Amino acid sequence: MEIDSKAWKILECLQQDARLSLTELARAVAMSVPAVSERVKRLEEAGVIQGYHARLSPAKAGYTLSAMVGITVAQPYKKKLLQLLEDMPEVLECHHVTGADSYLFRLLARDVGHLETLVARVNHLGETRTSIILSTPITARPLRAPR
């Protein structure tokens, strides 16, 4: 599916506020409600829009610490690691990467002791490197049209 400028405008609006009504969305992109409704439906069916989510505050949910963990894992243990990470609610995302690490994952912890416990759960599968995130000057941003 080709994403034209009108579709990008719809996507930008929905990424800012996924709770916009179709009427509000149509007004924001200068289209009719039926046209916007059809565009959104096509974007969903094509898999461009994968879902609608609430953004939560980790600190207000009890997580005071965020960290990136890199791990080098031998091939026989990769599936076991991914299964373990999948079962850990503190793990927000995991990336299979090039370089020294096999995987890089981001997690949340209540405190340093909790972080130590979480890292210990995977440490037996490979060598880990943990970086505590001090701040996030650029947060996750909306996807925008390429320039």
C-alpha atoms as a PDB file:
ATOM      1  CA  MET A   1       0.000   0.000   0.000  1.00  0.00           C
ATOM      2  CA  GLU A   2       1.327   3.419  -0.953  1.00  0.00           C
ATOM      3  CA  ILE A   3       1.045   5.991   1.805  1.00  0.00           C
ATOM      4  CA  ASP A   4       0.226   9.382   0.297  1.00  0.00           C
ATOM      5  CA  SER A   5       0.314  12.768   2.022  1.00  0.00           C
ATOM      6  CA  LYS A   6      -3.332  12.516   3.187  1.00  0.00           C
ATOM      7  CA  ALA A   7      -2.670   9.092   4.732  1.00  0.00           C
ATOM      8  CA  TRP A   8       0.440  10.443   6.475  1.00  0.00           C
ATOM      9  CA  LYS A   9      -1.624  13.308   7.898  1.00  0.00           C
ATOM     10  CA  ILE A  10      -4.178  10.792   9.224  1.00  0.00           C
ATOM     11  CA  LEU A  11      -1.367   8.694  10.724  1.00  0.00           C
ATOM     12  CA  GLU A  12       0.232  11.731  12.376  1.00  0.00           C
ATOM     13  CA  CYS A  13      -3.087  12.728  13.956  1.00  0.00           C
ATOM     14  CA  LEU A  14      -3.812   9.207  15.218  1.00  0.00           C
ATOM     15  CA  GLN A  15      -0.313   8.883  16.668  1.00  0.00           C
ATOM     16  CA  GLN A  16      -0.827  12.123  18.588  1.00  0.00           C
ATOM     17  CA  ASP A  17      -4.268  11.084  19.842  1.00  0.00           C
ATOM     18  CA  ALA A  18      -5.651   7.666  18.942  1.00  0.00           C
ATOM     19  CA  ARG A  19      -8.896   8.558  20.709  1.00  0.00           C
ATOM     20  CA  LEU A  20      -9.885  11.145  18.090  1.00  0.00           C
ATOM     21  CA  SER A  21     -13.382  10.583  16.786  1.00  0.00           C
ATOM     22  CA  LEU A  22     -13.741  10.138  13.033  1.00  0.00           C
ATOM     23  CA  THR A  23     -15.420  13.548  12.930  1.00  0.00           C
ATOM     24  CA  GLU A  24     -12.470  15.225  14.692  1.00  0.00           C
ATOM     25  CA  LEU A  25      -9.998  13.332  12.501  1.00  0.00           C
ATOM     26  CA  ALA A  26     -11.851  14.325   9.321  1.00  0.00           C
ATOM     27  CA  ARG A  27     -11.819  17.959  10.408  1.00  0.00           C
ATOM     28  CA  ALA A  28      -8.077  17.815  11.188  1.00  0.00           C
ATOM     29  CA  VAL A  29      -7.164  16.415   7.763  1.00  0.00           C
ATOM     30  CA  ALA A  30      -9.778  18.359   5.775  1.00  0.00           C
ATOM     31  CA  MET A  31     -11.640  15.313   4.475  1.00  0.00           C
ATOM     32  CA  SER A  32     -15.165  13.961   4.794  1.00  0.00           C
ATOM     33  CA  VAL A  33     -15.973  11.488   7.561  1.00  0.00           C
ATOM     34  CA  PRO A  34     -16.707   8.621   5.103  1.00  0.00           C
ATOM     35  CA  ALA A  35     -13.430   9.264   3.260  1.00  0.00           C
ATOM     36  CA  VAL A  36     -11.417   9.280   6.493  1.00  0.00           C
ATOM     37  CA  SER A  37     -13.219   6.200   7.747  1.00  0.00           C
ATOM     38  CA  GLU A  38     -12.370   4.327   4.539  1.00  0.00           C
ATOM     39  CA  ARG A  39      -8.721   5.482   4.671  1.00  0.00           C
ATOM     40  CA  VAL A  40      -8.328   4.370   8.284  1.00  0.00           C
ATOM     41  CA  LYS A  41      -9.940   1.009   7.476  1.00  0.00           C
ATOM     42  CA  ARG A  42      -7.542   0.473   4.544  1.00  0.00           C
ATOM     43  CA  LEU A  43      -4.535   1.448   6.688  1.00  0.00           C
ATOM     44  CA  GLU A  44      -5.632  -1.056   9.340  1.00  0.00           C
ATOM     45  CA  GLU A  45      -6.243  -3.839   6.800  1.00  0.00           C
ATOM     46  CA  ALA A  46      -2.842  -3.229   5.190  1.00  0.00           C
ATOM     47  CA  GLY A  47      -1.175  -3.541   8.607  1.00  0.00           C
ATOM     48  CA  VAL A  48       0.135   0.029   8.562  1.00  0.00           C
ATOM     49  CA  ILE A  49      -1.940   0.714  11.674  1.00  0.00           C
ATOM     50  CA  GLN A  50      -1.234  -2.221  13.960  1.00  0.00           C
ATOM     51  CA  GLY A  51      -3.181  -1.106  17.011  1.00  0.00           C
ATOM     52  CA  TYR A  52      -4.185   1.702  19.335  1.00  0.00           C
ATOM     53  CA  HIS A  53      -2.467   2.072  22.709  1.00  0.00           C
ATOM     54  CA  ALA A  54      -2.468   4.044  25.922  1.00  0.00           C
ATOM     55  CA  ARG A  55       0.889   5.578  26.924  1.00  0.00           C
ATOM     56  CA  LEU A  56       1.636   4.985  30.603  1.00  0.00           C
ATOM     57  CA  SER A  57       4.041   6.651  33.013  1.00  0.00           C
ATOM     58  CA  PRO A  58       6.513   3.998  34.242  1.00  0.00           C
ATOM     59  CA  ALA A  59       7.345   6.072  37.349  1.00  0.00           C
ATOM     60  CA  LYS A  60       3.688   6.440  38.332  1.00  0.00           C
ATOM     61  CA  ALA A  61       3.243   2.694  37.769  1.00  0.00           C
ATOM     62  CA  GLY A  62       6.040   1.945  40.271  1.00  0.00           C
ATOM     63  CA  TYR A  63       9.031   1.544  37.946  1.00  0.00           C
ATOM     64  CA  THR A  64      11.726   4.029  38.958  1.00  0.00           C
ATOM     65  CA  LEU A  65      14.531   2.592  36.833  1.00  0.00           C
ATOM     66  CA  SER A  66      14.942   1.838  33.141  1.00  0.00           C
ATOM     67  CA  ALA A  67      17.868  -0.049  31.614  1.00  0.00           C
ATOM     68  CA  MET A  68      19.249  -1.404  28.363  1.00  0.00           C
ATOM     69  CA  VAL A  69      20.757  -4.868  28.560  1.00  0.00           C
ATOM     70  CA  GLY A  70      22.950  -6.374  25.880  1.00  0.00           C
ATOM     71  CA  ILE A  71      23.552 -10.107  25.910  1.00  0.00           C
ATOM     72  CA  THR A  72      25.781 -12.385  23.890  1.00  0.00           C
ATOM     73  CA  VAL A  73      24.113 -15.779  23.610  1.00  0.00           C
ATOM     74  CA  ALA A  74      25.315 -18.998  21.996  1.00  0.00           C
ATOM     75  CA  GLN A  75      22.975 -20.293  19.276  1.00  0.00           C
ATOM     76  CA  PRO A  76      21.586 -23.221  21.317  1.00  0.00           C
ATOM     77  CA  TYR A  77      20.327 -20.819  24.028  1.00  0.00           C
ATOM     78  CA  LYS A  78      18.704 -18.140  21.839  1.00  0.00           C
ATOM     79  CA  LYS A  79      15.254 -19.697  21.813  1.00  0.00           C
ATOM     80  CA  LYS A  80      15.364 -20.208  25.583  1.00  0.00           C
ATOM     81  CA  LEU A  81      16.421 -16.580  26.120  1.00  0.00           C
ATOM     82  CA  LEU A  82      13.610 -15.221  23.949  1.00  0.00           C
ATOM     83  CA  GLN A  83      11.071 -17.381  25.758  1.00  0.00           C
ATOM     84  CA  LEU A  84      12.376 -16.170  29.118  1.00  0.00           C
ATOM     85  CA  LEU A  85      12.269 -12.505  28.036  1.00  0.00           C
ATOM     86  CA  GLU A  86       8.761 -12.949  26.643  1.00  0.00           C
ATOM     87  CA  ASP A  87       7.625 -14.165  30.070  1.00  0.00           C
ATOM     88  CA  MET A  88       9.135 -11.172  31.904  1.00  0.00           C
ATOM     89  CA  PRO A  89       6.603  -8.308  32.037  1.00  0.00           C
ATOM     90  CA  GLU A  90       9.402  -5.859  32.829  1.00  0.00           C
ATOM     91  CA  VAL A  91      10.945  -6.371  29.368  1.00  0.00           C
ATOM     92  CA  LEU A  92       9.463  -3.751  27.032  1.00  0.00           C
ATOM     93  CA  GLU A  93      11.252  -4.675  23.829  1.00  0.00           C
ATOM     94  CA  CYS A  94      13.993  -6.908  22.511  1.00  0.00           C
ATOM     95  CA  HIS A  95      16.077  -6.472  19.372  1.00  0.00           C
ATOM     96  CA  HIS A  96      18.218  -9.033  17.546  1.00  0.00           C
ATOM     97  CA  VAL A  97      21.288  -6.953  16.670  1.00  0.00           C
ATOM     98  CA  THR A  98      24.630  -7.076  14.918  1.00  0.00           C
ATOM     99  CA  GLY A  99      27.919  -6.532  16.715  1.00  0.00           C
ATOM    100  CA  ALA A 100      29.151  -7.952  19.994  1.00  0.00           C
ATOM    101  CA  ASP A 101      25.670  -8.526  21.408  1.00  0.00           C
ATOM    102  CA  SER A 102      23.198 -11.084  20.130  1.00  0.00           C
ATOM    103  CA  TYR A 103      20.236  -9.198  21.598  1.00  0.00           C
ATOM    104  CA  LEU A 104      19.597  -5.806  23.117  1.00  0.00           C
ATOM    105  CA  PHE A 105      16.555  -5.355  25.329  1.00  0.00           C
ATOM    106  CA  ARG A 106      15.023  -2.561  27.348  1.00  0.00           C
ATOM    107  CA  LEU A 107      13.455  -3.227  30.698  1.00  0.00           C
ATOM    108  CA  LEU A 108      11.906  -1.450  33.651  1.00  0.00           C
ATOM    109  CA  ALA A 109      12.659  -2.151  37.307  1.00  0.00           C
ATOM    110  CA  ARG A 110      11.315  -0.913  40.622  1.00  0.00           C
ATOM    111  CA  ASP A 111      14.832  -0.260  41.958  1.00  0.00           C
ATOM    112  CA  VAL A 112      18.448  -1.428  41.649  1.00  0.00           C
ATOM    113  CA  GLY A 113      17.759  -4.630  43.591  1.00  0.00           C
ATOM    114  CA  HIS A 114      14.908  -5.503  41.244  1.00  0.00           C
ATOM    115  CA  LEU A 115      17.183  -4.772  38.245  1.00  0.00           C
ATOM    116  CA  GLU A 116      19.817  -7.102  39.672  1.00  0.00           C
ATOM    117  CA  THR A 117      17.215  -9.858  40.052  1.00  0.00           C
ATOM    118  CA  LEU A 118      15.987  -9.381  36.474  1.00  0.00           C
ATOM    119  CA  VAL A 119      19.493  -9.495  34.989  1.00  0.00           C
ATOM    120  CA  ALA A 120      20.300 -12.584  37.067  1.00  0.00           C
ATOM    121  CA  ARG A 121      17.345 -14.368  35.450  1.00  0.00           C
ATOM    122  CA  VAL A 122      19.084 -14.241  32.047  1.00  0.00           C
ATOM    123  CA  ASN A 123      22.755 -14.065  33.055  1.00  0.00           C
ATOM    124  CA  HIS A 124      23.198 -17.857  32.988  1.00  0.00           C
ATOM    125  CA  LEU A 125      22.428 -17.864  29.233  1.00  0.00           C
ATOM    126  CA  GLY A 126      25.251 -15.542  28.203  1.00  0.00           C
ATOM    127  CA  GLU A 127      27.384 -12.543  28.983  1.00  0.00           C
ATOM    128  CA  THR A 128      25.379  -9.411  29.785  1.00  0.00           C
ATOM    129  CA  ARG A 129      26.152  -5.699  29.766  1.00  0.00           C
ATOM    130  CA  THR A 130      23.692  -3.428  31.543  1.00  0.00           C
ATOM    131  CA  SER A 131      23.346   0.318  31.132  1.00  0.00           C
ATOM    132  CA  ILE A 132      21.008   2.191  33.447  1.00  0.00           C
ATOM    133  CA  ILE A 133      19.122   4.901  31.579  1.00  0.00           C
ATOM    134  CA  LEU A 134      19.634   8.200  33.401  1.00  0.00           C
ATOM    135  CA  SER A 135      17.234  10.235  31.257  1.00  0.00           C
ATOM    136  CA  THR A 136      15.557  10.130  27.869  1.00  0.00           C
ATOM    137  CA  PRO A 137      16.110  13.436  26.081  1.00  0.00           C
ATOM    138  CA  ILE A 138      14.368  12.126  22.936  1.00  0.00           C
ATOM    139  CA  THR A 139      11.382   9.934  23.717  1.00  0.00           C
ATOM    140  CA  ALA A 140       9.727   7.495  21.331  1.00  0.00           C
ATOM    141  CA  ARG A 141       8.463   9.655  18.521  1.00  0.00           C
ATOM    142  CA  PRO A 142       5.632   9.225  16.052  1.00  0.00           C
ATOM    143  CA  LEU A 143       6.503   7.664  12.722  1.00  0.00           C
ATOM    144  CA  ARG A 144       6.605  10.365  10.057  1.00  0.00           C
ATOM    145  CA  ALA A 145       6.829  10.414   6.264  1.00  0.00           C
ATOM    146  CA  PRO A 146      10.400  10.026   5.005  1.00  0.00           C
ATOM    147  CA  ARG A 147      12.024  13.156   3.592  1.00  0.00           C
END
